[in-house]
C-alpha atoms as a PDB file:
ATOM      1  CA  ALA A   1      14.566   0.328 -13.911  1.00  0.00           C
ATOM      2  CA  ALA A   2      13.345   0.567 -10.308  1.00  0.00           C
ATOM      3  CA  GLU A   3       9.813   1.252 -11.472  1.00  0.00           C
ATOM      4  CA  ASN A   4       9.788  -1.909 -13.595  1.00  0.00           C
ATOM      5  CA  TYR A   5      11.034  -3.999 -10.672  1.00  0.00           C
ATOM      6  CA  PHE A   6       8.386  -2.556  -8.357  1.00  0.00           C
ATOM      7  CA  LEU A   7       5.672  -3.297 -10.937  1.00  0.00           C
ATOM      8  CA  LYS A   8       6.896  -6.886 -11.332  1.00  0.00           C
ATOM      9  CA  ALA A   9       7.025  -7.267  -7.552  1.00  0.00           C
ATOM     10  CA  ALA A  10       3.457  -5.963  -7.242  1.00  0.00           C
ATOM     11  CA  ASP A  11       2.278  -8.591  -9.738  1.00  0.00           C
ATOM     12  CA  ILE A  12       4.041 -11.394  -7.876  1.00  0.00           C
ATOM     13  CA  LEU A  13       2.850 -10.224  -4.472  1.00  0.00           C
ATOM     14  CA  THR A  14      -0.714  -9.954  -5.756  1.00  0.00           C
ATOM     15  CA  GLN A  15      -0.558 -13.567  -6.929  1.00  0.00           C
ATOM     16  CA  ILE A  16       0.547 -14.788  -3.508  1.00  0.00           C
ATOM     17  CA  ASP A  17      -1.776 -12.348  -1.695  1.00  0.00           C
ATOM     18  CA  ASP A  18       0.963 -10.639   0.350  1.00  0.00           C
ATOM     19  CA  LYS A  19      -0.874  -7.455   1.322  1.00  0.00           C
ATOM     20  CA  ILE A  20       1.922  -5.982   3.428  1.00  0.00           C
ATOM     21  CA  GLY A  21       4.400  -6.628   0.633  1.00  0.00           C
ATOM     22  CA  ILE A  22       2.056  -4.996  -1.867  1.00  0.00           C
ATOM     23  CA  GLY A  23       1.673  -1.958   0.388  1.00  0.00           C
ATOM     24  CA  ASN A  24       5.438  -1.598   0.681  1.00  0.00           C
ATOM     25  CA  THR A  25       5.782  -1.963  -3.078  1.00  0.00           C
ATOM     26  CA  TYR A  26       3.250   0.836  -3.578  1.00  0.00           C
ATOM     27  CA  ILE A  27       5.392   3.012  -1.313  1.00  0.00           C
ATOM     28  CA  GLY A  28       8.395   2.276  -3.531  1.00  0.00           C
ATOM     29  CA  LEU A  29       6.414   3.045  -6.665  1.00  0.00           C
ATOM     30  CA  GLY A  30       5.119   6.246  -5.102  1.00  0.00           C
ATOM     31  CA  PHE A  31       8.585   7.537  -4.300  1.00  0.00           C
ATOM     32  CA  THR A  32       9.890   6.483  -7.716  1.00  0.00           C
ATOM     33  CA  LYS A  33       7.149   8.504  -9.408  1.00  0.00           C
ATOM     34  CA  LEU A  34       7.669  11.486  -7.097  1.00  0.00           C
ATOM     35  CA  ARG A  35      11.394  11.508  -7.893  1.00  0.00           C
ATOM     36  CA  LYS A  36      10.537  11.489 -11.589  1.00  0.00           C
ATOM     37  CA  GLY A  37       8.320  14.538 -11.057  1.00  0.00           C
ATOM     38  CA  GLU A  38       5.080  12.622 -11.566  1.00  0.00           C
ATOM     39  CA  ARG A  39       3.426  14.005  -8.466  1.00  0.00           C
ATOM     40  CA  ALA A  40      -0.187  12.921  -9.026  1.00  0.00           C
ATOM     41  CA  ILE A  41       0.745   9.312  -9.759  1.00  0.00           C
ATOM     42  CA  GLY A  42       3.285   9.210  -6.917  1.00  0.00           C
ATOM     43  CA  CYS A  43       0.771  10.513  -4.410  1.00  0.00           C
ATOM     44  CA  SER A  44      -1.798   8.056  -5.747  1.00  0.00           C
ATOM     45  CA  TYR A  45       0.530   5.111  -5.086  1.00  0.00           C
ATOM     46  CA  LEU A  46       1.151   6.341  -1.539  1.00  0.00           C
ATOM     47  CA  GLN A  47      -2.611   6.582  -0.998  1.00  0.00           C
ATOM     48  CA  ARG A  48      -3.006   3.034  -2.367  1.00  0.00           C
ATOM     49  CA  ALA A  49      -0.355   1.846   0.090  1.00  0.00           C
ATOM     50  CA  ARG A  50      -2.245   3.473   2.944  1.00  0.00           C
ATOM     51  CA  LYS A  51      -5.542   1.887   1.846  1.00  0.00           C
ATOM     52  CA  THR A  52      -3.881  -1.532   1.514  1.00  0.00           C
ATOM     53  CA  PHE A  53      -2.439  -1.300   5.030  1.00  0.00           C
ATOM     54  CA  GLU A  54      -5.728   0.011   6.392  1.00  0.00           C
ATOM     55  CA  ASP A  55      -7.688  -2.858   4.780  1.00  0.00           C
ATOM     56  CA  THR A  56      -5.152  -5.333   6.188  1.00  0.00           C
ATOM     57  CA  ASN A  57      -5.461  -3.797   9.668  1.00  0.00           C
ATOM     58  CA  TYR A  58      -1.733  -3.014   9.790  1.00  0.00           C
ATOM     59  CA  PRO A  59      -1.540   0.195  11.877  1.00  0.00           C
ATOM     60  CA  ARG A  60       2.252   0.412  11.702  1.00  0.00           C
ATOM     61  CA  GLY A  61       2.051   0.568   7.894  1.00  0.00           C
ATOM     62  CA  VAL A  62      -0.743   3.151   8.003  1.00  0.00           C
ATOM     63  CA  GLY A  63       1.338   5.330  10.335  1.00  0.00           C
ATOM     64  CA  GLU A  64       4.394   4.995   8.129  1.00  0.00           C
ATOM     65  CA  VAL A  65       2.458   6.011   5.017  1.00  0.00           C
ATOM     66  CA  ASP A  66       0.812   8.893   6.874  1.00  0.00           C
ATOM     67  CA  ASN A  67       4.310  10.187   7.672  1.00  0.00           C
ATOM     68  CA  HIS A  68       5.306   9.838   3.998  1.00  0.00           C
ATOM     69  CA  LEU A  69       2.141  11.598   2.868  1.00  0.00           C
ATOM     70  CA  GLN A  70       2.746  14.483   5.234  1.00  0.00           C
ATOM     71  CA  ARG A  71       6.447  14.767   4.378  1.00  0.00           C
ATOM     72  CA  THR A  72       5.808  14.754   0.621  1.00  0.00           C
ATOM     73  CA  GLY A  73       2.817  17.083   0.810  1.00  0.00           C
ATOM     74  CA  CYS A  74       0.560  14.491  -0.796  1.00  0.00           C
ATOM     75  CA  ARG A  75      -2.218  14.992   1.743  1.00  0.00           C
END
């Protein structure tokens, strides 16, 4: 259920162009996939979150995702 809510949120946030919200949603999707054992997809969502924050020039978000990437071994 969480995955569906994150996907719906990503659609809504894309429509209103909320880049920080989208990045945070990608983090949620990444962890949801990792918990389900879908490592490649989970890591991909975390990388997308990092790219979104980087493109938005949001260093705090980039640092947060870098910590997640390191902790999960997705790097």
